[in-house]
C-alpha atoms as a PDB file:
ATOM      1  CA  UNK A   1     -27.705  -4.528 -21.713  1.00  0.00           C
ATOM      2  CA  UNK A   2     -27.130  -2.623 -17.985  1.00  0.00           C
ATOM      3  CA  UNK A   3     -25.405  -4.489 -15.758  1.00  0.00           C
ATOM      4  CA  UNK A   4     -26.485  -4.219 -12.030  1.00  0.00           C
ATOM      5  CA  UNK A   5     -23.695  -2.999  -9.340  1.00  0.00           C
ATOM      6  CA  UNK A   6     -22.906  -6.927  -8.278  1.00  0.00           C
ATOM      7  CA  UNK A   7     -22.433  -7.734 -11.954  1.00  0.00           C
ATOM      8  CA  UNK A   8     -19.791  -4.892 -12.489  1.00  0.00           C
ATOM      9  CA  UNK A   9     -18.116  -5.537  -8.908  1.00  0.00           C
ATOM     10  CA  UNK A  10     -17.875  -9.351  -9.987  1.00  0.00           C
ATOM     11  CA  UNK A  11     -16.098  -8.454 -13.289  1.00  0.00           C
ATOM     12  CA  UNK A  12     -13.834  -5.574 -11.940  1.00  0.00           C
ATOM     13  CA  UNK A  13     -12.398  -7.949  -8.673  1.00  0.00           C
ATOM     14  CA  UNK A  14     -10.851 -11.150  -9.232  1.00  0.00           C
ATOM     15  CA  UNK A  15     -11.143 -12.358  -5.727  1.00  0.00           C
ATOM     16  CA  UNK A  16     -14.842 -13.311  -6.735  1.00  0.00           C
ATOM     17  CA  UNK A  17     -13.989 -15.535  -9.658  1.00  0.00           C
ATOM     18  CA  UNK A  18     -14.668 -19.251  -9.083  1.00  0.00           C
ATOM     19  CA  UNK A  19     -16.322 -18.358  -6.214  1.00  0.00           C
ATOM     20  CA  UNK A  20     -20.061 -18.282  -4.898  1.00  0.00           C
ATOM     21  CA  UNK A  21     -21.092 -15.020  -4.105  1.00  0.00           C
ATOM     22  CA  UNK A  22     -24.442 -13.812  -1.804  1.00  0.00           C
ATOM     23  CA  UNK A  23     -26.259 -11.163  -3.651  1.00  0.00           C
ATOM     24  CA  UNK A  24     -28.398  -8.615  -1.854  1.00  0.00           C
ATOM     25  CA  UNK A  25     -30.082  -5.046  -2.557  1.00  0.00           C
ATOM     26  CA  UNK A  26     -28.304  -5.150  -5.758  1.00  0.00           C
ATOM     27  CA  UNK A  27     -24.646  -5.755  -3.996  1.00  0.00           C
ATOM     28  CA  UNK A  28     -22.167  -8.475  -3.135  1.00  0.00           C
ATOM     29  CA  UNK A  29     -23.330  -9.041   0.171  1.00  0.00           C
ATOM     30  CA  UNK A  30     -20.318 -12.563   0.938  1.00  0.00           C
ATOM     31  CA  UNK A  31     -18.451 -14.897  -0.629  1.00  0.00           C
ATOM     32  CA  UNK A  32     -17.164 -18.143  -0.100  1.00  0.00           C
ATOM     33  CA  UNK A  33     -15.623 -21.051  -1.978  1.00  0.00           C
ATOM     34  CA  UNK A  34     -19.036 -23.320  -2.258  1.00  0.00           C
ATOM     35  CA  UNK A  35     -22.794 -23.015  -1.521  1.00  0.00           C
ATOM     36  CA  UNK A  36     -22.382 -25.142   1.717  1.00  0.00           C
ATOM     37  CA  UNK A  37     -20.152 -22.567   3.368  1.00  0.00           C
ATOM     38  CA  UNK A  38     -22.286 -19.537   2.325  1.00  0.00           C
ATOM     39  CA  UNK A  39     -25.276 -21.181   3.737  1.00  0.00           C
ATOM     40  CA  UNK A  40     -23.840 -21.497   7.112  1.00  0.00           C
ATOM     41  CA  UNK A  41     -22.007 -17.984   6.682  1.00  0.00           C
ATOM     42  CA  UNK A  42     -25.539 -16.080   6.099  1.00  0.00           C
ATOM     43  CA  UNK A  43     -26.759 -16.573   9.573  1.00  0.00           C
ATOM     44  CA  UNK A  44     -30.181 -14.841   8.806  1.00  0.00           C
ATOM     45  CA  UNK A  45     -32.603 -16.875   6.713  1.00  0.00           C
ATOM     46  CA  UNK A  46     -35.007 -14.374   6.660  1.00  0.00           C
ATOM     47  CA  UNK A  47     -33.320 -12.061   4.158  1.00  0.00           C
ATOM     48  CA  UNK A  48     -33.589 -11.979   0.632  1.00  0.00           C
ATOM     49  CA  UNK A  49     -30.843 -13.111  -0.598  1.00  0.00           C
ATOM     50  CA  UNK A  50     -29.455 -14.746  -4.161  1.00  0.00           C
ATOM     51  CA  UNK A  51     -26.580 -16.883  -4.921  1.00  0.00           C
ATOM     52  CA  UNK A  52     -24.732 -17.210  -7.960  1.00  0.00           C
ATOM     53  CA  UNK A  53     -21.363 -19.196  -8.736  1.00  0.00           C
ATOM     54  CA  UNK A  54     -19.060 -16.658 -10.388  1.00  0.00           C
ATOM     55  CA  UNK A  55     -17.105 -18.557 -13.141  1.00  0.00           C
ATOM     56  CA  UNK A  56     -13.248 -18.842 -12.909  1.00  0.00           C
ATOM     57  CA  UNK A  57     -13.012 -17.420 -16.484  1.00  0.00           C
ATOM     58  CA  UNK A  58     -15.162 -14.794 -16.872  1.00  0.00           C
ATOM     59  CA  UNK A  59     -14.690 -14.630 -20.578  1.00  0.00           C
ATOM     60  CA  UNK A  60     -17.060 -17.845 -20.641  1.00  0.00           C
ATOM     61  CA  UNK A  61     -19.606 -15.874 -18.708  1.00  0.00           C
ATOM     62  CA  UNK A  62     -23.069 -17.496 -18.492  1.00  0.00           C
ATOM     63  CA  UNK A  63     -25.556 -17.867 -15.749  1.00  0.00           C
ATOM     64  CA  UNK A  64     -25.292 -21.303 -14.291  1.00  0.00           C
ATOM     65  CA  UNK A  65     -27.074 -21.481 -11.121  1.00  0.00           C
ATOM     66  CA  UNK A  66     -28.800 -18.421  -9.364  1.00  0.00           C
ATOM     67  CA  UNK A  67     -31.515 -19.345  -6.612  1.00  0.00           C
ATOM     68  CA  UNK A  68     -33.109 -17.391  -3.696  1.00  0.00           C
ATOM     69  CA  UNK A  69     -33.694 -18.310  -0.276  1.00  0.00           C
END
């Protein structure tokens, strides 16, 4: 299975572990500690951005939540 750019970056950079990331155009656009903070940081609600909660331990990697606004 091919990993997208944001997945590769998520695995390689521990600053994303345990955070919620915003994904736009196959890249990590922004990140925060929780969804509420990230929703307020993303000013333009018309953008097609997906949000993903990165597990703290990536060896337990599973997609738990995935949504698009």
